[in-house]
C-alpha atoms as a PDB file:
ATOM      1  CA  UNK A   1     -11.438 -19.102  12.674  1.00  0.00           C
ATOM      2  CA  UNK A   2     -10.277 -18.424   9.119  1.00  0.00           C
ATOM      3  CA  UNK A   3      -6.597 -18.542   8.163  1.00  0.00           C
ATOM      4  CA  UNK A   4      -4.346 -18.540   5.116  1.00  0.00           C
ATOM      5  CA  UNK A   5      -0.904 -20.036   4.604  1.00  0.00           C
ATOM      6  CA  UNK A   6       1.693 -19.263   1.946  1.00  0.00           C
ATOM      7  CA  UNK A   7       3.236 -21.901  -0.340  1.00  0.00           C
ATOM      8  CA  UNK A   8       5.799 -22.826   2.379  1.00  0.00           C
ATOM      9  CA  UNK A   9       3.062 -23.437   4.939  1.00  0.00           C
ATOM     10  CA  UNK A  10       3.706 -20.237   6.923  1.00  0.00           C
ATOM     11  CA  UNK A  11       0.582 -18.546   8.272  1.00  0.00           C
ATOM     12  CA  UNK A  12      -0.189 -15.202   6.591  1.00  0.00           C
ATOM     13  CA  UNK A  13      -3.263 -14.165   8.584  1.00  0.00           C
ATOM     14  CA  UNK A  14      -5.946 -15.409  10.961  1.00  0.00           C
ATOM     15  CA  UNK A  15      -9.401 -13.914  11.417  1.00  0.00           C
ATOM     16  CA  UNK A  16     -11.997 -14.670  14.070  1.00  0.00           C
ATOM     17  CA  UNK A  17     -15.488 -13.158  13.975  1.00  0.00           C
ATOM     18  CA  UNK A  18     -18.818 -13.239  15.789  1.00  0.00           C
ATOM     19  CA  UNK A  19     -20.773 -13.504  12.519  1.00  0.00           C
ATOM     20  CA  UNK A  20     -20.466 -13.783   8.750  1.00  0.00           C
ATOM     21  CA  UNK A  21     -22.630 -11.893   6.250  1.00  0.00           C
ATOM     22  CA  UNK A  22     -22.447 -13.598   2.863  1.00  0.00           C
ATOM     23  CA  UNK A  23     -23.721 -13.215  -0.660  1.00  0.00           C
ATOM     24  CA  UNK A  24     -23.341 -15.239  -3.817  1.00  0.00           C
ATOM     25  CA  UNK A  25     -23.420 -13.925  -7.357  1.00  0.00           C
ATOM     26  CA  UNK A  26     -22.892 -16.459 -10.134  1.00  0.00           C
ATOM     27  CA  UNK A  27     -19.703 -18.423  -9.522  1.00  0.00           C
ATOM     28  CA  UNK A  28     -18.334 -16.030  -6.919  1.00  0.00           C
ATOM     29  CA  UNK A  29     -19.276 -15.987  -3.252  1.00  0.00           C
ATOM     30  CA  UNK A  30     -18.302 -13.150  -0.947  1.00  0.00           C
ATOM     31  CA  UNK A  31     -18.546 -12.654   2.751  1.00  0.00           C
ATOM     32  CA  UNK A  32     -17.955  -9.958   5.308  1.00  0.00           C
ATOM     33  CA  UNK A  33     -16.878 -10.880   8.814  1.00  0.00           C
ATOM     34  CA  UNK A  34     -18.573  -8.960  11.639  1.00  0.00           C
ATOM     35  CA  UNK A  35     -16.971  -8.001  14.998  1.00  0.00           C
ATOM     36  CA  UNK A  36     -13.529  -9.202  13.994  1.00  0.00           C
ATOM     37  CA  UNK A  37     -10.321  -9.978  15.806  1.00  0.00           C
ATOM     38  CA  UNK A  38      -7.408 -10.630  13.476  1.00  0.00           C
ATOM     39  CA  UNK A  39      -3.696 -11.334  13.358  1.00  0.00           C
ATOM     40  CA  UNK A  40      -1.303 -10.400  10.551  1.00  0.00           C
ATOM     41  CA  UNK A  41       1.859 -12.467  10.194  1.00  0.00           C
ATOM     42  CA  UNK A  42       5.362 -11.891   8.860  1.00  0.00           C
ATOM     43  CA  UNK A  43       7.671 -14.871   8.251  1.00  0.00           C
ATOM     44  CA  UNK A  44       5.167 -17.168   9.954  1.00  0.00           C
ATOM     45  CA  UNK A  45       5.055 -15.125  13.190  1.00  0.00           C
ATOM     46  CA  UNK A  46       2.137 -12.916  14.357  1.00  0.00           C
ATOM     47  CA  UNK A  47       3.272  -9.277  14.355  1.00  0.00           C
ATOM     48  CA  UNK A  48       0.027  -7.286  14.451  1.00  0.00           C
ATOM     49  CA  UNK A  49      -3.221  -7.951  16.293  1.00  0.00           C
ATOM     50  CA  UNK A  50      -6.286  -5.912  15.321  1.00  0.00           C
ATOM     51  CA  UNK A  51      -9.973  -5.513  16.009  1.00  0.00           C
ATOM     52  CA  UNK A  52     -12.578  -3.986  13.693  1.00  0.00           C
ATOM     53  CA  UNK A  53     -16.319  -3.975  13.130  1.00  0.00           C
ATOM     54  CA  UNK A  54     -15.910  -5.625   9.721  1.00  0.00           C
ATOM     55  CA  UNK A  55     -13.259  -7.426   7.680  1.00  0.00           C
ATOM     56  CA  UNK A  56     -12.806  -9.516   4.592  1.00  0.00           C
ATOM     57  CA  UNK A  57      -9.875 -11.375   3.093  1.00  0.00           C
ATOM     58  CA  UNK A  58      -8.868 -12.017  -0.498  1.00  0.00           C
ATOM     59  CA  UNK A  59      -6.785 -15.195  -0.465  1.00  0.00           C
ATOM     60  CA  UNK A  60      -5.867 -14.900  -4.149  1.00  0.00           C
ATOM     61  CA  UNK A  61      -4.437 -11.389  -3.725  1.00  0.00           C
ATOM     62  CA  UNK A  62      -3.217 -12.141  -0.185  1.00  0.00           C
ATOM     63  CA  UNK A  63      -4.946  -9.080   1.218  1.00  0.00           C
ATOM     64  CA  UNK A  64      -6.973  -8.407   4.339  1.00  0.00           C
ATOM     65  CA  UNK A  65      -9.244  -5.364   4.573  1.00  0.00           C
ATOM     66  CA  UNK A  66     -10.764  -4.203   7.852  1.00  0.00           C
ATOM     67  CA  UNK A  67     -13.021  -1.221   8.533  1.00  0.00           C
ATOM     68  CA  UNK A  68     -15.086   0.328  11.279  1.00  0.00           C
ATOM     69  CA  UNK A  69     -13.074   1.565  14.278  1.00  0.00           C
ATOM     70  CA  UNK A  70      -9.917  -0.390  13.473  1.00  0.00           C
ATOM     71  CA  UNK A  71      -7.526  -0.738  16.437  1.00  0.00           C
ATOM     72  CA  UNK A  72      -4.187  -2.470  15.872  1.00  0.00           C
ATOM     73  CA  UNK A  73      -1.065  -3.081  17.913  1.00  0.00           C
ATOM     74  CA  UNK A  74       2.347  -4.453  17.008  1.00  0.00           C
ATOM     75  CA  UNK A  75       4.144  -7.084  19.068  1.00  0.00           C
ATOM     76  CA  UNK A  76       7.398  -5.997  17.360  1.00  0.00           C
ATOM     77  CA  UNK A  77       7.430  -2.183  17.651  1.00  0.00           C
ATOM     78  CA  UNK A  78       4.731  -1.875  20.372  1.00  0.00           C
ATOM     79  CA  UNK A  79       3.094   0.743  18.133  1.00  0.00           C
ATOM     80  CA  UNK A  80      -0.647   1.372  18.341  1.00  0.00           C
ATOM     81  CA  UNK A  81      -2.684   2.202  15.239  1.00  0.00           C
ATOM     82  CA  UNK A  82      -6.224   3.549  14.929  1.00  0.00           C
ATOM     83  CA  UNK A  83      -7.958   4.140  11.599  1.00  0.00           C
ATOM     84  CA  UNK A  84     -11.339   3.998   9.912  1.00  0.00           C
ATOM     85  CA  UNK A  85      -9.992   1.390   7.452  1.00  0.00           C
ATOM     86  CA  UNK A  86      -6.860  -0.647   6.798  1.00  0.00           C
ATOM     87  CA  UNK A  87      -5.847  -2.667   3.752  1.00  0.00           C
ATOM     88  CA  UNK A  88      -2.987  -5.108   4.338  1.00  0.00           C
ATOM     89  CA  UNK A  89      -1.073  -6.320   1.297  1.00  0.00           C
ATOM     90  CA  UNK A  90       0.962  -9.348   2.403  1.00  0.00           C
ATOM     91  CA  UNK A  91       2.959  -9.539  -0.832  1.00  0.00           C
ATOM     92  CA  UNK A  92       4.131  -5.926  -0.385  1.00  0.00           C
ATOM     93  CA  UNK A  93       4.556  -6.104   3.433  1.00  0.00           C
ATOM     94  CA  UNK A  94       2.394  -2.978   3.588  1.00  0.00           C
ATOM     95  CA  UNK A  95      -0.656  -1.637   5.416  1.00  0.00           C
ATOM     96  CA  UNK A  96      -2.576   1.270   3.899  1.00  0.00           C
ATOM     97  CA  UNK A  97      -4.476   3.035   6.697  1.00  0.00           C
ATOM     98  CA  UNK A  98      -7.138   5.607   5.815  1.00  0.00           C
ATOM     99  CA  UNK A  99      -9.583   7.869   7.647  1.00  0.00           C
ATOM    100  CA  UNK A 100      -8.636   9.542  10.930  1.00  0.00           C
ATOM    101  CA  UNK A 101      -5.357   7.614  11.154  1.00  0.00           C
ATOM    102  CA  UNK A 102      -3.352   7.802  14.393  1.00  0.00           C
ATOM    103  CA  UNK A 103      -0.125   5.883  14.939  1.00  0.00           C
ATOM    104  CA  UNK A 104       1.694   5.990  18.271  1.00  0.00           C
ATOM    105  CA  UNK A 105       5.238   4.879  19.041  1.00  0.00           C
ATOM    106  CA  UNK A 106       5.753   5.631  22.722  1.00  0.00           C
ATOM    107  CA  UNK A 107       5.626   9.439  23.060  1.00  0.00           C
ATOM    108  CA  UNK A 108       5.567  10.072  19.282  1.00  0.00           C
ATOM    109  CA  UNK A 109       2.124  10.387  17.645  1.00  0.00           C
ATOM    110  CA  UNK A 110       1.378  10.932  13.952  1.00  0.00           C
ATOM    111  CA  UNK A 111      -2.102  11.825  12.680  1.00  0.00           C
ATOM    112  CA  UNK A 112      -3.128  11.877   9.031  1.00  0.00           C
ATOM    113  CA  UNK A 113      -5.988  10.907   6.717  1.00  0.00           C
ATOM    114  CA  UNK A 114      -3.849   8.302   4.898  1.00  0.00           C
ATOM    115  CA  UNK A 115      -0.608   6.574   5.872  1.00  0.00           C
ATOM    116  CA  UNK A 116       1.366   3.613   4.575  1.00  0.00           C
ATOM    117  CA  UNK A 117       2.993   1.364   7.170  1.00  0.00           C
ATOM    118  CA  UNK A 118       5.005  -1.823   7.096  1.00  0.00           C
ATOM    119  CA  UNK A 119       3.290  -4.918   8.510  1.00  0.00           C
ATOM    120  CA  UNK A 120       5.000  -4.680  11.926  1.00  0.00           C
ATOM    121  CA  UNK A 121       4.098  -0.959  12.270  1.00  0.00           C
ATOM    122  CA  UNK A 122       7.790  -0.040  12.506  1.00  0.00           C
ATOM    123  CA  UNK A 123       7.848   2.464   9.635  1.00  0.00           C
ATOM    124  CA  UNK A 124       5.286   4.917   8.253  1.00  0.00           C
ATOM    125  CA  UNK A 125       5.305   7.053   5.135  1.00  0.00           C
ATOM    126  CA  UNK A 126       2.929   9.253   3.140  1.00  0.00           C
ATOM    127  CA  UNK A 127       1.714   8.937  -0.432  1.00  0.00           C
ATOM    128  CA  UNK A 128       3.841   6.955  -2.853  1.00  0.00           C
END
């Protein structure tokens, strides 16, 4: 299990994977998690749970990227999200979903190739 906290000790994200594919180039090492289950947090509380074939996190930028049949659900809005790829920017409280994006809030469904959403999947908007 990998996790990151902010400067106040609040959890930002947690990622669990079946395997890690890594590579090292000079001073920088990178890894891709395989068969991932993850949780995105807001104010120290988990608000979105997701699964994806692959994911990686950038602790310096406070971003999590997941791709390959991404399925996410919100414990706050009870929304369900499907996309080819998501990029979560913790500092901006924003998820950028791309590729065959579907978001469902109860009976309402929105489909697009690219959508921006807040972390809890309560709001969605198009290009900025």
